[in-house]
Amino acid sequence: MSGFKTLRAQVRRRLLISYRVNPEVAQSLIPDQFRPQIVDGSAVAGVCMIGLQSVRPGWLRPRMDFRTENVAHRIAVEWDENGKTRSGVYIVERHSSSLIPVLAGGRLFPGVQKRARFDLDETESRFRVNMAAPGTRVSVDVQLGGPWTSTLFPTVEAASAFHEQGAVGWSPRRDGTGVEPLELTSKEWAVEPGQVISLKSSYFDALPDGAATLDSVVVMRDIPFFWDTPHLEPDNAARQVARN
């Protein structure tokens, strides 16, 4: 696939919401070349809700850009590559408020996007984000700060390291022939703890009873991000993506 090798953007706000998930259920949601990344006996999955501004290809001048809201439903995974174990996330589906990534995703850069409507009510310390799309809805209310609470990660620093190590995101190709990677990096990676006041995700709520339990949330604000298209191929990669 030809297109942009690098994308740049400024993250206004990024909510990384983590769930504990039954490993067998998680395995059924991902392609065969991946396996769930296990923490304390559970798979880890979640919702990434990210507000971006100054989005542009790496070679484009900063004054030529656009702004977008995005949601990704993801599952932390491992795979074998050249005899080594790598970690990242498998992105089940992506949604965007902007028509540009919807049209260009999976064509000019990896990551098929679906169009969605977003409603925002945000302050410096509280983030209310609602997303609605055909077949998928997410509604979250997060308060910044407060004590760290998680059964997956003993400290917010441990949660930060886990998410930072999962920089490579795999998602289904537009033509359905397999998966493609996109790697997110930042030289200014930093997270803050958050408290979930309320959360509804039609994707995770639809899993079998008890299969997915809300664990924790971390928040990122005002950080520059870069997305690169790496040359990766899991060993013995299956060409058929998992059925949702």
C-alpha atoms as a PDB file:
ATOM      1  CA  MET A   1       0.000   0.000   0.000  1.00  0.00           C
ATOM      2  CA  SER A   2       1.489   3.340  -1.023  1.00  0.00           C
ATOM      3  CA  GLY A   3       0.812   6.502   0.961  1.00  0.00           C
ATOM      4  CA  PHE A   4       2.089   8.492   3.935  1.00  0.00           C
ATOM      5  CA  LYS A   5       4.892   6.826   5.913  1.00  0.00           C
ATOM      6  CA  THR A   6       4.558   9.209   8.868  1.00  0.00           C
ATOM      7  CA  LEU A   7       1.658  11.107  10.408  1.00  0.00           C
ATOM      8  CA  ARG A   8       2.014  13.804  13.049  1.00  0.00           C
ATOM      9  CA  ALA A   9      -0.521  15.213  15.492  1.00  0.00           C
ATOM     10  CA  GLN A  10      -0.894  16.986  18.810  1.00  0.00           C
ATOM     11  CA  VAL A  11      -2.928  15.022  21.349  1.00  0.00           C
ATOM     12  CA  ARG A  12      -5.340  17.325  23.171  1.00  0.00           C
ATOM     13  CA  ARG A  13      -6.696  14.479  25.295  1.00  0.00           C
ATOM     14  CA  ARG A  14      -6.284  10.709  25.268  1.00  0.00           C
ATOM     15  CA  LEU A  15      -8.218   8.362  27.548  1.00  0.00           C
ATOM     16  CA  LEU A  16      -6.833   4.825  27.809  1.00  0.00           C
ATOM     17  CA  ILE A  17      -9.545   2.732  29.467  1.00  0.00           C
ATOM     18  CA  SER A  18      -8.545  -0.814  30.437  1.00  0.00           C
ATOM     19  CA  TYR A  19     -10.666  -3.915  30.999  1.00  0.00           C
ATOM     20  CA  ARG A  20      -9.821  -7.288  32.476  1.00  0.00           C
ATOM     21  CA  VAL A  21     -10.985  -9.867  29.921  1.00  0.00           C
ATOM     22  CA  ASN A  22     -11.334 -13.625  30.019  1.00  0.00           C
ATOM     23  CA  PRO A  23      -8.353 -14.964  27.981  1.00  0.00           C
ATOM     24  CA  GLU A  24     -10.451 -17.457  26.001  1.00  0.00           C
ATOM     25  CA  VAL A  25     -12.926 -14.747  25.051  1.00  0.00           C
ATOM     26  CA  ALA A  26     -10.077 -12.415  24.078  1.00  0.00           C
ATOM     27  CA  GLN A  27      -8.501 -15.105  21.874  1.00  0.00           C
ATOM     28  CA  SER A  28     -11.787 -15.505  20.011  1.00  0.00           C
ATOM     29  CA  LEU A  29     -11.707 -11.803  19.087  1.00  0.00           C
ATOM     30  CA  ILE A  30      -8.251 -11.670  17.486  1.00  0.00           C
ATOM     31  CA  PRO A  31      -6.585 -13.254  14.437  1.00  0.00           C
ATOM     32  CA  ASP A  32      -4.790 -16.584  14.848  1.00  0.00           C
ATOM     33  CA  GLN A  33      -1.269 -15.141  14.540  1.00  0.00           C
ATOM     34  CA  PHE A  34      -1.759 -13.248  17.791  1.00  0.00           C
ATOM     35  CA  ARG A  35      -2.344 -14.327  21.378  1.00  0.00           C
ATOM     36  CA  PRO A  36      -3.720 -12.198  24.218  1.00  0.00           C
ATOM     37  CA  GLN A  37      -1.158 -10.518  26.427  1.00  0.00           C
ATOM     38  CA  ILE A  38      -1.791 -11.872  29.923  1.00  0.00           C
ATOM     39  CA  VAL A  39      -1.453  -9.793  33.099  1.00  0.00           C
ATOM     40  CA  ASP A  40      -2.248 -11.418  36.446  1.00  0.00           C
ATOM     41  CA  GLY A  41      -4.168 -14.210  34.723  1.00  0.00           C
ATOM     42  CA  SER A  42      -6.334 -11.951  32.533  1.00  0.00           C
ATOM     43  CA  ALA A  43      -6.202 -10.571  29.037  1.00  0.00           C
ATOM     44  CA  VAL A  44      -6.151  -6.781  28.766  1.00  0.00           C
ATOM     45  CA  ALA A  45      -8.439  -4.894  26.403  1.00  0.00           C
ATOM     46  CA  GLY A  46      -9.893  -1.435  26.292  1.00  0.00           C
ATOM     47  CA  VAL A  47     -11.053   1.722  24.639  1.00  0.00           C
ATOM     48  CA  CYS A  48      -8.749   4.472  23.422  1.00  0.00           C
ATOM     49  CA  MET A  49     -10.565   7.817  23.080  1.00  0.00           C
ATOM     50  CA  ILE A  50      -8.304  10.424  21.539  1.00  0.00           C
ATOM     51  CA  GLY A  51      -8.792  14.028  20.517  1.00  0.00           C
ATOM     52  CA  LEU A  52      -6.239  15.183  17.951  1.00  0.00           C
ATOM     53  CA  GLN A  53      -5.348  18.527  16.449  1.00  0.00           C
ATOM     54  CA  SER A  54      -2.746  19.588  13.885  1.00  0.00           C
ATOM     55  CA  VAL A  55      -3.053  16.194  12.174  1.00  0.00           C
ATOM     56  CA  ARG A  56      -0.915  16.082   9.026  1.00  0.00           C
ATOM     57  CA  PRO A  57       1.458  13.877   7.023  1.00  0.00           C
ATOM     58  CA  GLY A  58       5.024  14.189   8.282  1.00  0.00           C
ATOM     59  CA  TRP A  59       6.155  16.110   5.211  1.00  0.00           C
ATOM     60  CA  LEU A  60       3.270  18.621   5.201  1.00  0.00           C
ATOM     61  CA  ARG A  61       3.711  22.149   6.559  1.00  0.00           C
ATOM     62  CA  PRO A  62       2.223  22.633  10.078  1.00  0.00           C
ATOM     63  CA  ARG A  63      -0.315  25.236   8.938  1.00  0.00           C
ATOM     64  CA  MET A  64      -1.987  22.664   6.660  1.00  0.00           C
ATOM     65  CA  ASP A  65      -3.721  20.205   8.976  1.00  0.00           C
ATOM     66  CA  PHE A  66      -7.050  19.111  10.446  1.00  0.00           C
ATOM     67  CA  ARG A  67      -8.640  18.176  13.789  1.00  0.00           C
ATOM     68  CA  THR A  68     -10.452  14.971  14.703  1.00  0.00           C
ATOM     69  CA  GLU A  69     -11.983  12.874  17.492  1.00  0.00           C
ATOM     70  CA  ASN A  70     -11.322   9.136  17.446  1.00  0.00           C
ATOM     71  CA  VAL A  71     -12.212   5.938  19.301  1.00  0.00           C
ATOM     72  CA  ALA A  72     -10.484   2.546  19.015  1.00  0.00           C
ATOM     73  CA  HIS A  73     -11.553  -0.735  20.636  1.00  0.00           C
ATOM     74  CA  ARG A  74      -8.367  -2.736  21.249  1.00  0.00           C
ATOM     75  CA  ILE A  75      -6.977  -5.924  22.736  1.00  0.00           C
ATOM     76  CA  ALA A  76      -3.392  -6.223  24.006  1.00  0.00           C
ATOM     77  CA  VAL A  77      -1.612  -8.965  22.071  1.00  0.00           C
ATOM     78  CA  GLU A  78       1.696 -10.734  21.612  1.00  0.00           C
ATOM     79  CA  TRP A  79       3.172 -12.313  18.495  1.00  0.00           C
ATOM     80  CA  ASP A  80       6.382 -14.016  17.423  1.00  0.00           C
ATOM     81  CA  GLU A  81       8.615 -12.247  14.927  1.00  0.00           C
ATOM     82  CA  ASN A  82      12.001 -13.597  13.840  1.00  0.00           C
ATOM     83  CA  GLY A  83      12.020 -15.868  16.874  1.00  0.00           C
ATOM     84  CA  LYS A  84      11.300 -13.047  19.348  1.00  0.00           C
ATOM     85  CA  THR A  85       8.133 -12.119  21.230  1.00  0.00           C
ATOM     86  CA  ARG A  86       6.694  -8.701  20.429  1.00  0.00           C
ATOM     87  CA  SER A  87       3.783  -6.908  22.081  1.00  0.00           C
ATOM     88  CA  GLY A  88       1.223  -4.415  20.848  1.00  0.00           C
ATOM     89  CA  VAL A  89      -2.525  -4.163  20.347  1.00  0.00           C
ATOM     90  CA  TYR A  90      -5.027  -5.577  17.898  1.00  0.00           C
ATOM     91  CA  ILE A  91      -7.581  -2.917  17.014  1.00  0.00           C
ATOM     92  CA  VAL A  92     -10.972  -4.465  16.429  1.00  0.00           C
ATOM     93  CA  GLU A  93     -12.474  -1.263  15.033  1.00  0.00           C
ATOM     94  CA  ARG A  94     -11.744   2.440  14.722  1.00  0.00           C
ATOM     95  CA  HIS A  95     -14.165   5.376  14.537  1.00  0.00           C
ATOM     96  CA  SER A  96     -13.484   9.001  13.647  1.00  0.00           C
ATOM     97  CA  SER A  97     -15.383  12.281  13.561  1.00  0.00           C
ATOM     98  CA  SER A  98     -13.516  13.406  10.440  1.00  0.00           C
ATOM     99  CA  LEU A  99     -14.209  12.280   6.900  1.00  0.00           C
ATOM    100  CA  ILE A 100     -10.499  12.513   5.991  1.00  0.00           C
ATOM    101  CA  PRO A 101      -9.301   9.469   8.025  1.00  0.00           C
ATOM    102  CA  VAL A 102     -12.465   7.605   7.039  1.00  0.00           C
ATOM    103  CA  LEU A 103     -11.586   8.016   3.356  1.00  0.00           C
ATOM    104  CA  ALA A 104      -7.795   7.680   3.712  1.00  0.00           C
ATOM    105  CA  GLY A 105      -7.583   4.969   6.388  1.00  0.00           C
ATOM    106  CA  GLY A 106      -6.551   1.645   4.873  1.00  0.00           C
ATOM    107  CA  ARG A 107      -5.609   3.461   1.658  1.00  0.00           C
ATOM    108  CA  LEU A 108      -3.047   6.229   2.245  1.00  0.00           C
ATOM    109  CA  PHE A 109      -2.122   4.926   5.703  1.00  0.00           C
ATOM    110  CA  PRO A 110      -3.018   1.784   7.704  1.00  0.00           C
ATOM    111  CA  GLY A 111      -6.162   1.629   9.814  1.00  0.00           C
ATOM    112  CA  VAL A 112      -9.671   1.502   8.384  1.00  0.00           C
ATOM    113  CA  GLN A 113     -11.886   4.102  10.056  1.00  0.00           C
ATOM    114  CA  LYS A 114     -15.674   4.311  10.332  1.00  0.00           C
ATOM    115  CA  ARG A 115     -17.550   7.600  10.592  1.00  0.00           C
ATOM    116  CA  ALA A 116     -19.079   8.495  13.972  1.00  0.00           C
ATOM    117  CA  ARG A 117     -20.733  11.400  15.754  1.00  0.00           C
ATOM    118  CA  PHE A 118     -19.070  12.778  18.896  1.00  0.00           C
ATOM    119  CA  ASP A 119     -20.453  14.930  21.709  1.00  0.00           C
ATOM    120  CA  LEU A 120     -17.911  16.509  24.082  1.00  0.00           C
ATOM    121  CA  ASP A 121     -18.235  18.214  27.455  1.00  0.00           C
ATOM    122  CA  GLU A 122     -14.747  18.802  28.817  1.00  0.00           C
ATOM    123  CA  THR A 123     -13.006  20.907  31.447  1.00  0.00           C
ATOM    124  CA  GLU A 124      -9.413  20.907  32.690  1.00  0.00           C
ATOM    125  CA  SER A 125     -10.186  18.061  35.092  1.00  0.00           C
ATOM    126  CA  ARG A 126     -13.228  16.229  33.699  1.00  0.00           C
ATOM    127  CA  PHE A 127     -13.861  14.588  30.343  1.00  0.00           C
ATOM    128  CA  ARG A 128     -17.296  13.542  29.099  1.00  0.00           C
ATOM    129  CA  VAL A 129     -17.140  11.963  25.647  1.00  0.00           C
ATOM    130  CA  ASN A 130     -20.005  10.295  23.799  1.00  0.00           C
ATOM    131  CA  MET A 131     -19.606   8.511  20.473  1.00  0.00           C
ATOM    132  CA  ALA A 132     -22.398   7.102  18.328  1.00  0.00           C
ATOM    133  CA  ALA A 133     -22.036   5.102  15.113  1.00  0.00           C
ATOM    134  CA  PRO A 134     -24.082   2.373  13.429  1.00  0.00           C
ATOM    135  CA  GLY A 135     -23.718  -0.666  15.670  1.00  0.00           C
ATOM    136  CA  THR A 136     -21.328   0.936  18.181  1.00  0.00           C
ATOM    137  CA  ARG A 137     -21.777   3.389  21.038  1.00  0.00           C
ATOM    138  CA  VAL A 138     -19.387   4.591  23.739  1.00  0.00           C
ATOM    139  CA  SER A 139     -20.140   6.968  26.591  1.00  0.00           C
ATOM    140  CA  VAL A 140     -17.540   7.847  29.228  1.00  0.00           C
ATOM    141  CA  ASP A 141     -17.236  10.311  32.096  1.00  0.00           C
ATOM    142  CA  VAL A 142     -13.713  10.533  33.571  1.00  0.00           C
ATOM    143  CA  GLN A 143     -12.414  12.705  36.416  1.00  0.00           C
ATOM    144  CA  LEU A 144      -8.694  13.521  36.330  1.00  0.00           C
ATOM    145  CA  GLY A 145      -6.620  12.673  39.415  1.00  0.00           C
ATOM    146  CA  GLY A 146      -7.588  10.861  42.587  1.00  0.00           C
ATOM    147  CA  PRO A 147      -6.058   7.672  44.049  1.00  0.00           C
ATOM    148  CA  TRP A 148      -4.827   5.013  41.663  1.00  0.00           C
ATOM    149  CA  THR A 149      -7.114   1.988  41.598  1.00  0.00           C
ATOM    150  CA  SER A 150      -6.397  -1.076  39.452  1.00  0.00           C
ATOM    151  CA  THR A 151      -6.169  -4.834  39.851  1.00  0.00           C
ATOM    152  CA  LEU A 152      -4.077  -5.181  36.675  1.00  0.00           C
ATOM    153  CA  PHE A 153      -1.382  -2.589  37.369  1.00  0.00           C
ATOM    154  CA  PRO A 154       0.037  -1.922  40.864  1.00  0.00           C
ATOM    155  CA  THR A 155       0.944   1.694  40.057  1.00  0.00           C
ATOM    156  CA  VAL A 156       0.097   4.304  37.450  1.00  0.00           C
ATOM    157  CA  GLU A 157       3.732   4.022  36.318  1.00  0.00           C
ATOM    158  CA  ALA A 158       3.198   0.312  35.609  1.00  0.00           C
ATOM    159  CA  ALA A 159       0.074   1.118  33.592  1.00  0.00           C
ATOM    160  CA  SER A 160       1.986   3.800  31.686  1.00  0.00           C
ATOM    161  CA  ALA A 161       4.808   1.375  30.827  1.00  0.00           C
ATOM    162  CA  PHE A 162       2.322  -1.279  29.670  1.00  0.00           C
ATOM    163  CA  HIS A 163       0.556   1.114  27.299  1.00  0.00           C
ATOM    164  CA  GLU A 164       3.820   2.602  26.013  1.00  0.00           C
ATOM    165  CA  GLN A 165       5.150  -0.870  25.148  1.00  0.00           C
ATOM    166  CA  GLY A 166       2.002  -1.552  23.123  1.00  0.00           C
ATOM    167  CA  ALA A 167       2.931   1.058  20.527  1.00  0.00           C
ATOM    168  CA  VAL A 168       2.254  -1.128  17.473  1.00  0.00           C
ATOM    169  CA  GLY A 169      -1.410  -1.351  16.558  1.00  0.00           C
ATOM    170  CA  TRP A 170      -2.576  -4.054  14.134  1.00  0.00           C
ATOM    171  CA  SER A 171      -5.900  -3.775  12.340  1.00  0.00           C
ATOM    172  CA  PRO A 172      -7.716  -5.537   9.490  1.00  0.00           C
ATOM    173  CA  ARG A 173      -6.829  -4.479   5.959  1.00  0.00           C
ATOM    174  CA  ARG A 174      -9.529  -2.764   3.960  1.00  0.00           C
ATOM    175  CA  ASP A 175      -9.568  -5.610   1.419  1.00  0.00           C
ATOM    176  CA  GLY A 176      -9.927  -8.274   4.136  1.00  0.00           C
ATOM    177  CA  THR A 177      -6.701 -10.100   3.182  1.00  0.00           C
ATOM    178  CA  GLY A 178      -4.986  -9.852   6.566  1.00  0.00           C
ATOM    179  CA  VAL A 179      -3.714  -7.263   9.013  1.00  0.00           C
ATOM    180  CA  GLU A 180      -1.471  -4.200   8.806  1.00  0.00           C
ATOM    181  CA  PRO A 181       0.529  -2.347  11.488  1.00  0.00           C
ATOM    182  CA  LEU A 182       0.767   1.295  12.519  1.00  0.00           C
ATOM    183  CA  GLU A 183       3.246   2.339  15.241  1.00  0.00           C
ATOM    184  CA  LEU A 184       2.623   5.255  17.606  1.00  0.00           C
ATOM    185  CA  THR A 185       5.548   7.015  19.293  1.00  0.00           C
ATOM    186  CA  SER A 186       6.148  10.139  21.351  1.00  0.00           C
ATOM    187  CA  LYS A 187       9.272  11.656  22.895  1.00  0.00           C
ATOM    188  CA  GLU A 188       7.122  13.224  25.621  1.00  0.00           C
ATOM    189  CA  TRP A 189       5.140  10.193  26.843  1.00  0.00           C
ATOM    190  CA  ALA A 190       3.368  10.964  30.137  1.00  0.00           C
ATOM    191  CA  VAL A 191       0.124   9.787  31.756  1.00  0.00           C
ATOM    192  CA  GLU A 192      -1.989  10.855  34.705  1.00  0.00           C
ATOM    193  CA  PRO A 193      -4.395   8.724  36.754  1.00  0.00           C
ATOM    194  CA  GLY A 194      -8.116   9.130  36.248  1.00  0.00           C
ATOM    195  CA  GLN A 195     -11.316   7.948  37.890  1.00  0.00           C
ATOM    196  CA  VAL A 196     -14.140   6.490  35.792  1.00  0.00           C
ATOM    197  CA  ILE A 197     -17.419   8.002  36.955  1.00  0.00           C
ATOM    198  CA  SER A 198     -19.459   6.187  34.317  1.00  0.00           C
ATOM    199  CA  LEU A 199     -18.758   4.103  31.229  1.00  0.00           C
ATOM    200  CA  LYS A 200     -20.809   2.314  28.597  1.00  0.00           C
ATOM    201  CA  SER A 201     -19.284   0.503  25.632  1.00  0.00           C
ATOM    202  CA  SER A 202     -21.640  -1.426  23.379  1.00  0.00           C
ATOM    203  CA  TYR A 203     -18.703  -3.589  22.235  1.00  0.00           C
ATOM    204  CA  PHE A 204     -17.549  -4.756  25.679  1.00  0.00           C
ATOM    205  CA  ASP A 205     -21.063  -4.747  27.151  1.00  0.00           C
ATOM    206  CA  ALA A 206     -22.081  -7.268  24.456  1.00  0.00           C
ATOM    207  CA  LEU A 207     -19.494  -9.863  25.545  1.00  0.00           C
ATOM    208  CA  PRO A 208     -20.663 -12.802  27.693  1.00  0.00           C
ATOM    209  CA  ASP A 209     -21.548 -11.957  31.290  1.00  0.00           C
ATOM    210  CA  GLY A 210     -18.415 -11.542  33.388  1.00  0.00           C
ATOM    211  CA  ALA A 211     -16.057 -11.751  30.381  1.00  0.00           C
ATOM    212  CA  ALA A 212     -14.970  -8.098  30.592  1.00  0.00           C
ATOM    213  CA  THR A 213     -14.598  -6.042  33.773  1.00  0.00           C
ATOM    214  CA  LEU A 214     -13.604  -2.374  33.916  1.00  0.00           C
ATOM    215  CA  ASP A 215     -10.186  -1.972  35.555  1.00  0.00           C
ATOM    216  CA  SER A 216      -8.682   1.509  35.244  1.00  0.00           C
ATOM    217  CA  VAL A 217      -8.066   4.613  33.154  1.00  0.00           C
ATOM    218  CA  VAL A 218      -5.076   6.822  32.457  1.00  0.00           C
ATOM    219  CA  VAL A 219      -5.140  10.224  30.768  1.00  0.00           C
ATOM    220  CA  MET A 220      -2.686  11.890  28.383  1.00  0.00           C
ATOM    221  CA  ARG A 221      -2.855  15.598  27.517  1.00  0.00           C
ATOM    222  CA  ASP A 222      -1.089  18.025  25.184  1.00  0.00           C
ATOM    223  CA  ILE A 223       1.517  15.614  23.815  1.00  0.00           C
ATOM    224  CA  PRO A 224       2.905  15.381  20.252  1.00  0.00           C
ATOM    225  CA  PHE A 225       2.506  11.963  18.637  1.00  0.00           C
ATOM    226  CA  PHE A 226       3.967  10.337  15.526  1.00  0.00           C
ATOM    227  CA  TRP A 227       2.522   7.408  13.596  1.00  0.00           C
ATOM    228  CA  ASP A 228       4.883   5.356  11.434  1.00  0.00           C
ATOM    229  CA  THR A 229       4.232   2.417   9.124  1.00  0.00           C
ATOM    230  CA  PRO A 230       6.724  -0.264  10.274  1.00  0.00           C
ATOM    231  CA  HIS A 231       7.766  -3.288   8.233  1.00  0.00           C
ATOM    232  CA  LEU A 232       6.551  -6.094  10.472  1.00  0.00           C
ATOM    233  CA  GLU A 233       5.164  -9.551   9.778  1.00  0.00           C
ATOM    234  CA  PRO A 234       4.253 -12.028  12.549  1.00  0.00           C
ATOM    235  CA  ASP A 235       5.771 -15.470  12.075  1.00  0.00           C
ATOM    236  CA  ASN A 236       3.438 -17.875  10.244  1.00  0.00           C
ATOM    237  CA  ALA A 237       0.882 -15.112   9.849  1.00  0.00           C
ATOM    238  CA  ALA A 238      -2.612 -16.272   9.029  1.00  0.00           C
ATOM    239  CA  ARG A 239      -4.233 -14.275   6.272  1.00  0.00           C
ATOM    240  CA  GLN A 240      -7.750 -14.377   7.615  1.00  0.00           C
ATOM    241  CA  VAL A 241      -8.760 -11.848  10.278  1.00  0.00           C
ATOM    242  CA  ALA A 242     -10.840 -12.895  13.276  1.00  0.00           C
ATOM    243  CA  ARG A 243     -14.590 -12.781  13.031  1.00  0.00           C
ATOM    244  CA  ASN A 244     -16.266 -10.234  15.310  1.00  0.00           C
END
